[in-house]
Amino acid sequence: MTEYTIKNVTTDDVKELQAISRETFKKTFDAYTAPDDMARFLKEDYDTTKLINEINNPNSRFFFLMVKDEVAGYLKVNVGDAQTEDLKPNALEVERIYLREKFQHQGLGLALIKLAEKLAREENKDYMWLGVYEKNIVAQKFYAKDDFERVSQHVFQVGDDAQTDYLLAKKL
């Protein structure tokens, strides 16, 4: 596996967080999303003020996965009222987990999901959960290997496009 370090994201990192968020979301979902919907989503959901508010939320945490001095990927986890759904009691949500393309298939995604699990276990959570796009088969297989099971689904709005995300949970 590629050597890496984990860095807590602060408001000083908002521009880098915004850049990797937009880059990785667009790369992952561009093929499934109309250009106008994608542009609107990237502008609104990764707005600087919105990201600063998310970073400052005590129930949300962001982490950069660093390879040398480069941000290779990032993770966002939520607990309590920061979770996007009230899916399971005493749970930690993995809201965002992304790697830049050149860092994929090197074990780094597993490193990020295991970081989330470590946090959940340290905080005595009973479950971890996340949403994964119904058409993202590669990600679904990745999570299935780590004992996540589909428990529900919800709509994930990208511009005017109501996309279906499967909700996957893992008992800890």
C-alpha atoms as a PDB file:
ATOM      1  CA  MET A   1       0.000   0.000   0.000  1.00  0.00           C
ATOM      2  CA  THR A   2       1.087   3.557  -0.714  1.00  0.00           C
ATOM      3  CA  GLU A   3       2.436   5.389   2.339  1.00  0.00           C
ATOM      4  CA  TYR A   4       0.110   8.103   3.606  1.00  0.00           C
ATOM      5  CA  THR A   5      -0.677  10.365   6.519  1.00  0.00           C
ATOM      6  CA  ILE A   6      -4.014  11.639   7.804  1.00  0.00           C
ATOM      7  CA  LYS A   7      -4.561  15.349   8.432  1.00  0.00           C
ATOM      8  CA  ASN A   8      -7.504  16.968  10.198  1.00  0.00           C
ATOM      9  CA  VAL A   9      -9.160  19.524   7.939  1.00  0.00           C
ATOM     10  CA  THR A  10      -9.626  23.028   9.362  1.00  0.00           C
ATOM     11  CA  THR A  11     -11.174  26.170   7.923  1.00  0.00           C
ATOM     12  CA  ASP A  12      -7.669  27.105   6.711  1.00  0.00           C
ATOM     13  CA  ASP A  13      -7.997  24.164   4.298  1.00  0.00           C
ATOM     14  CA  VAL A  14     -11.365  25.172   2.840  1.00  0.00           C
ATOM     15  CA  LYS A  15     -10.060  26.035  -0.636  1.00  0.00           C
ATOM     16  CA  GLU A  16      -8.248  22.695  -0.951  1.00  0.00           C
ATOM     17  CA  LEU A  17     -11.313  20.876   0.398  1.00  0.00           C
ATOM     18  CA  GLN A  18     -13.490  22.691  -2.122  1.00  0.00           C
ATOM     19  CA  ALA A  19     -11.121  21.801  -4.981  1.00  0.00           C
ATOM     20  CA  ILE A  20     -10.899  18.080  -4.185  1.00  0.00           C
ATOM     21  CA  SER A  21     -14.642  17.887  -3.439  1.00  0.00           C
ATOM     22  CA  ARG A  22     -15.578  19.354  -6.791  1.00  0.00           C
ATOM     23  CA  GLU A  23     -12.944  17.387  -8.705  1.00  0.00           C
ATOM     24  CA  THR A  24     -13.768  13.969  -7.236  1.00  0.00           C
ATOM     25  CA  PHE A  25     -17.555  14.354  -7.267  1.00  0.00           C
ATOM     26  CA  LYS A  26     -17.527  15.475 -10.899  1.00  0.00           C
ATOM     27  CA  LYS A  27     -15.154  12.671 -11.907  1.00  0.00           C
ATOM     28  CA  THR A  28     -17.273  10.060 -10.117  1.00  0.00           C
ATOM     29  CA  PHE A  29     -20.737  11.131 -11.273  1.00  0.00           C
ATOM     30  CA  ASP A  30     -20.306  13.182 -14.459  1.00  0.00           C
ATOM     31  CA  ALA A  31     -21.284  10.269 -16.711  1.00  0.00           C
ATOM     32  CA  TYR A  32     -24.635   9.925 -14.894  1.00  0.00           C
ATOM     33  CA  THR A  33     -25.540  13.599 -14.526  1.00  0.00           C
ATOM     34  CA  ALA A  34     -26.719  16.314 -16.895  1.00  0.00           C
ATOM     35  CA  PRO A  35     -24.173  19.169 -17.201  1.00  0.00           C
ATOM     36  CA  ASP A  36     -26.546  21.823 -15.765  1.00  0.00           C
ATOM     37  CA  ASP A  37     -27.385  19.638 -12.758  1.00  0.00           C
ATOM     38  CA  MET A  38     -23.703  18.901 -12.145  1.00  0.00           C
ATOM     39  CA  ALA A  39     -22.698  22.569 -12.388  1.00  0.00           C
ATOM     40  CA  ARG A  40     -25.445  23.620  -9.974  1.00  0.00           C
ATOM     41  CA  PHE A  41     -24.570  20.878  -7.484  1.00  0.00           C
ATOM     42  CA  LEU A  42     -20.842  21.678  -7.502  1.00  0.00           C
ATOM     43  CA  LYS A  43     -21.517  25.388  -7.058  1.00  0.00           C
ATOM     44  CA  GLU A  44     -24.109  25.056  -4.283  1.00  0.00           C
ATOM     45  CA  ASP A  45     -23.030  21.995  -2.303  1.00  0.00           C
ATOM     46  CA  TYR A  46     -19.357  22.914  -2.214  1.00  0.00           C
ATOM     47  CA  ASP A  47     -19.884  26.642  -1.670  1.00  0.00           C
ATOM     48  CA  THR A  48     -17.132  28.131   0.528  1.00  0.00           C
ATOM     49  CA  THR A  49     -19.505  29.329   3.262  1.00  0.00           C
ATOM     50  CA  LYS A  50     -21.340  26.001   3.313  1.00  0.00           C
ATOM     51  CA  LEU A  51     -18.058  24.078   3.641  1.00  0.00           C
ATOM     52  CA  ILE A  52     -16.828  26.370   6.444  1.00  0.00           C
ATOM     53  CA  ASN A  53     -20.096  25.766   8.311  1.00  0.00           C
ATOM     54  CA  GLU A  54     -19.661  22.005   7.861  1.00  0.00           C
ATOM     55  CA  ILE A  55     -16.041  22.127   9.080  1.00  0.00           C
ATOM     56  CA  ASN A  56     -17.138  24.153  12.120  1.00  0.00           C
ATOM     57  CA  ASN A  57     -20.010  21.785  12.994  1.00  0.00           C
ATOM     58  CA  PRO A  58     -18.885  19.901  16.132  1.00  0.00           C
ATOM     59  CA  ASN A  59     -20.738  16.767  14.940  1.00  0.00           C
ATOM     60  CA  SER A  60     -18.890  16.635  11.593  1.00  0.00           C
ATOM     61  CA  ARG A  61     -15.219  15.960  10.896  1.00  0.00           C
ATOM     62  CA  PHE A  62     -13.169  16.085   7.712  1.00  0.00           C
ATOM     63  CA  PHE A  63      -9.842  14.373   7.130  1.00  0.00           C
ATOM     64  CA  PHE A  64      -7.379  14.649   4.256  1.00  0.00           C
ATOM     65  CA  LEU A  65      -5.448  11.563   3.250  1.00  0.00           C
ATOM     66  CA  MET A  66      -2.035  12.879   2.256  1.00  0.00           C
ATOM     67  CA  VAL A  67       0.484  11.130  -0.003  1.00  0.00           C
ATOM     68  CA  LYS A  68       3.723  13.018   0.401  1.00  0.00           C
ATOM     69  CA  ASP A  69       2.527  16.653   0.298  1.00  0.00           C
ATOM     70  CA  GLU A  70      -0.494  16.049  -1.920  1.00  0.00           C
ATOM     71  CA  VAL A  71      -4.114  15.645  -0.880  1.00  0.00           C
ATOM     72  CA  ALA A  72      -4.939  12.227  -2.332  1.00  0.00           C
ATOM     73  CA  GLY A  73      -8.417  11.928  -0.876  1.00  0.00           C
ATOM     74  CA  TYR A  74     -10.708  12.918   1.902  1.00  0.00           C
ATOM     75  CA  LEU A  75     -13.269  11.640   4.369  1.00  0.00           C
ATOM     76  CA  LYS A  76     -16.226  13.334   6.050  1.00  0.00           C
ATOM     77  CA  VAL A  77     -17.968  11.675   8.983  1.00  0.00           C
ATOM     78  CA  ASN A  78     -21.025  12.814  10.925  1.00  0.00           C
ATOM     79  CA  VAL A  79     -22.601  11.908  14.240  1.00  0.00           C
ATOM     80  CA  GLY A  80     -25.706  13.142  16.057  1.00  0.00           C
ATOM     81  CA  ASP A  81     -27.780  15.762  14.273  1.00  0.00           C
ATOM     82  CA  ALA A  82     -25.155  16.279  11.549  1.00  0.00           C
ATOM     83  CA  GLN A  83     -26.138  12.946   9.969  1.00  0.00           C
ATOM     84  CA  THR A  84     -28.092  13.247   6.741  1.00  0.00           C
ATOM     85  CA  GLU A  85     -30.564  10.569   7.907  1.00  0.00           C
ATOM     86  CA  ASP A  86     -31.646   9.118  11.228  1.00  0.00           C
ATOM     87  CA  LEU A  87     -30.880   5.649   9.899  1.00  0.00           C
ATOM     88  CA  LYS A  88     -29.624   3.727  12.923  1.00  0.00           C
ATOM     89  CA  PRO A  89     -29.392   4.515  16.632  1.00  0.00           C
ATOM     90  CA  ASN A  90     -25.949   5.403  17.978  1.00  0.00           C
ATOM     91  CA  ALA A  91     -24.342   5.548  14.542  1.00  0.00           C
ATOM     92  CA  LEU A  92     -21.573   7.277  12.645  1.00  0.00           C
ATOM     93  CA  GLU A  93     -22.273   8.311   9.056  1.00  0.00           C
ATOM     94  CA  VAL A  94     -19.602   8.266   6.374  1.00  0.00           C
ATOM     95  CA  GLU A  95     -21.017  11.112   4.296  1.00  0.00           C
ATOM     96  CA  ARG A  96     -18.111  11.550   1.876  1.00  0.00           C
ATOM     97  CA  ILE A  97     -15.184   9.323   0.997  1.00  0.00           C
ATOM     98  CA  TYR A  98     -13.311  10.182  -2.183  1.00  0.00           C
ATOM     99  CA  LEU A  99      -9.900   9.612  -3.738  1.00  0.00           C
ATOM    100  CA  ARG A 100      -8.386  11.422  -6.653  1.00  0.00           C
ATOM    101  CA  GLU A 101      -8.229   9.093  -9.647  1.00  0.00           C
ATOM    102  CA  LYS A 102      -4.448   8.621  -9.664  1.00  0.00           C
ATOM    103  CA  PHE A 103      -4.595   7.392  -6.040  1.00  0.00           C
ATOM    104  CA  GLN A 104      -7.316   4.785  -6.545  1.00  0.00           C
ATOM    105  CA  HIS A 105      -6.661   1.034  -6.384  1.00  0.00           C
ATOM    106  CA  GLN A 106      -3.765   1.439  -3.929  1.00  0.00           C
ATOM    107  CA  GLY A 107      -5.553   0.464  -0.703  1.00  0.00           C
ATOM    108  CA  LEU A 108      -6.166   4.098   0.262  1.00  0.00           C
ATOM    109  CA  GLY A 109      -9.962   3.865   0.138  1.00  0.00           C
ATOM    110  CA  LEU A 110      -9.737   1.000   2.609  1.00  0.00           C
ATOM    111  CA  ALA A 111      -7.492   3.160   4.805  1.00  0.00           C
ATOM    112  CA  LEU A 112     -10.180   5.869   4.869  1.00  0.00           C
ATOM    113  CA  ILE A 113     -13.074   3.517   5.637  1.00  0.00           C
ATOM    114  CA  LYS A 114     -10.991   1.892   8.404  1.00  0.00           C
ATOM    115  CA  LEU A 115     -10.279   5.359   9.834  1.00  0.00           C
ATOM    116  CA  ALA A 116     -14.047   5.949   9.987  1.00  0.00           C
ATOM    117  CA  GLU A 117     -14.526   2.584  11.670  1.00  0.00           C
ATOM    118  CA  LYS A 118     -11.761   3.351  14.195  1.00  0.00           C
ATOM    119  CA  LEU A 119     -13.489   6.639  15.077  1.00  0.00           C
ATOM    120  CA  ALA A 120     -16.861   4.901  15.387  1.00  0.00           C
ATOM    121  CA  ARG A 121     -15.437   2.210  17.669  1.00  0.00           C
ATOM    122  CA  GLU A 122     -13.555   4.772  19.822  1.00  0.00           C
ATOM    123  CA  GLU A 123     -16.855   6.606  20.285  1.00  0.00           C
ATOM    124  CA  ASN A 124     -18.680   3.355  21.118  1.00  0.00           C
ATOM    125  CA  LYS A 125     -21.004   3.576  18.131  1.00  0.00           C
ATOM    126  CA  ASP A 126     -23.135   0.543  17.311  1.00  0.00           C
ATOM    127  CA  TYR A 127     -23.239   1.187  13.561  1.00  0.00           C
ATOM    128  CA  MET A 128     -21.507   2.881  10.660  1.00  0.00           C
ATOM    129  CA  TRP A 129     -23.516   3.758   7.609  1.00  0.00           C
ATOM    130  CA  LEU A 130     -23.270   5.506   4.259  1.00  0.00           C
ATOM    131  CA  GLY A 131     -25.084   6.143   1.011  1.00  0.00           C
ATOM    132  CA  VAL A 132     -23.825   4.852  -2.328  1.00  0.00           C
ATOM    133  CA  TYR A 133     -25.236   5.688  -5.750  1.00  0.00           C
ATOM    134  CA  GLU A 134     -27.300   2.830  -7.181  1.00  0.00           C
ATOM    135  CA  LYS A 135     -25.227   2.837 -10.389  1.00  0.00           C
ATOM    136  CA  ASN A 136     -21.848   2.874  -8.601  1.00  0.00           C
ATOM    137  CA  ILE A 137     -21.322  -0.897  -8.650  1.00  0.00           C
ATOM    138  CA  VAL A 138     -17.573  -0.663  -7.928  1.00  0.00           C
ATOM    139  CA  ALA A 139     -18.225   1.214  -4.675  1.00  0.00           C
ATOM    140  CA  GLN A 140     -21.027  -1.186  -3.697  1.00  0.00           C
ATOM    141  CA  LYS A 141     -18.655  -4.146  -4.096  1.00  0.00           C
ATOM    142  CA  PHE A 142     -15.966  -2.308  -2.083  1.00  0.00           C
ATOM    143  CA  TYR A 143     -18.352  -1.765   0.836  1.00  0.00           C
ATOM    144  CA  ALA A 144     -19.777  -5.301   0.658  1.00  0.00           C
ATOM    145  CA  LYS A 145     -16.212  -6.644   1.161  1.00  0.00           C
ATOM    146  CA  ASP A 146     -16.105  -4.609   4.381  1.00  0.00           C
ATOM    147  CA  ASP A 147     -19.379  -6.119   5.689  1.00  0.00           C
ATOM    148  CA  PHE A 148     -21.717  -3.261   4.797  1.00  0.00           C
ATOM    149  CA  GLU A 149     -25.254  -4.411   3.975  1.00  0.00           C
ATOM    150  CA  ARG A 150     -28.033  -2.567   2.164  1.00  0.00           C
ATOM    151  CA  VAL A 151     -30.720  -1.530   4.640  1.00  0.00           C
ATOM    152  CA  SER A 152     -32.622   1.215   2.837  1.00  0.00           C
ATOM    153  CA  GLN A 153     -32.404   3.858   0.126  1.00  0.00           C
ATOM    154  CA  HIS A 154     -33.027   7.581  -0.278  1.00  0.00           C
ATOM    155  CA  VAL A 155     -33.056  10.311  -2.872  1.00  0.00           C
ATOM    156  CA  PHE A 156     -29.826  12.232  -3.382  1.00  0.00           C
ATOM    157  CA  GLN A 157     -30.576  15.472  -5.184  1.00  0.00           C
ATOM    158  CA  VAL A 158     -28.072  16.614  -7.822  1.00  0.00           C
ATOM    159  CA  GLY A 159     -29.469  19.829  -9.248  1.00  0.00           C
ATOM    160  CA  ASP A 160     -32.909  18.852 -10.590  1.00  0.00           C
ATOM    161  CA  ASP A 161     -31.932  15.181 -10.827  1.00  0.00           C
ATOM    162  CA  ALA A 162     -33.331  12.977  -8.053  1.00  0.00           C
ATOM    163  CA  GLN A 163     -30.832  10.113  -7.891  1.00  0.00           C
ATOM    164  CA  THR A 164     -31.238   6.983  -5.776  1.00  0.00           C
ATOM    165  CA  ASP A 165     -28.617   6.137  -3.183  1.00  0.00           C
ATOM    166  CA  TYR A 166     -28.604   2.774  -1.455  1.00  0.00           C
ATOM    167  CA  LEU A 167     -28.056   3.125   2.288  1.00  0.00           C
ATOM    168  CA  LEU A 168     -25.584   0.602   3.614  1.00  0.00           C
ATOM    169  CA  ALA A 169     -24.919  -0.125   7.285  1.00  0.00           C
ATOM    170  CA  LYS A 170     -22.331  -2.107   9.198  1.00  0.00           C
ATOM    171  CA  LYS A 171     -22.896  -3.396  12.740  1.00  0.00           C
ATOM    172  CA  LEU A 172     -19.839  -2.754  14.913  1.00  0.00           C
END
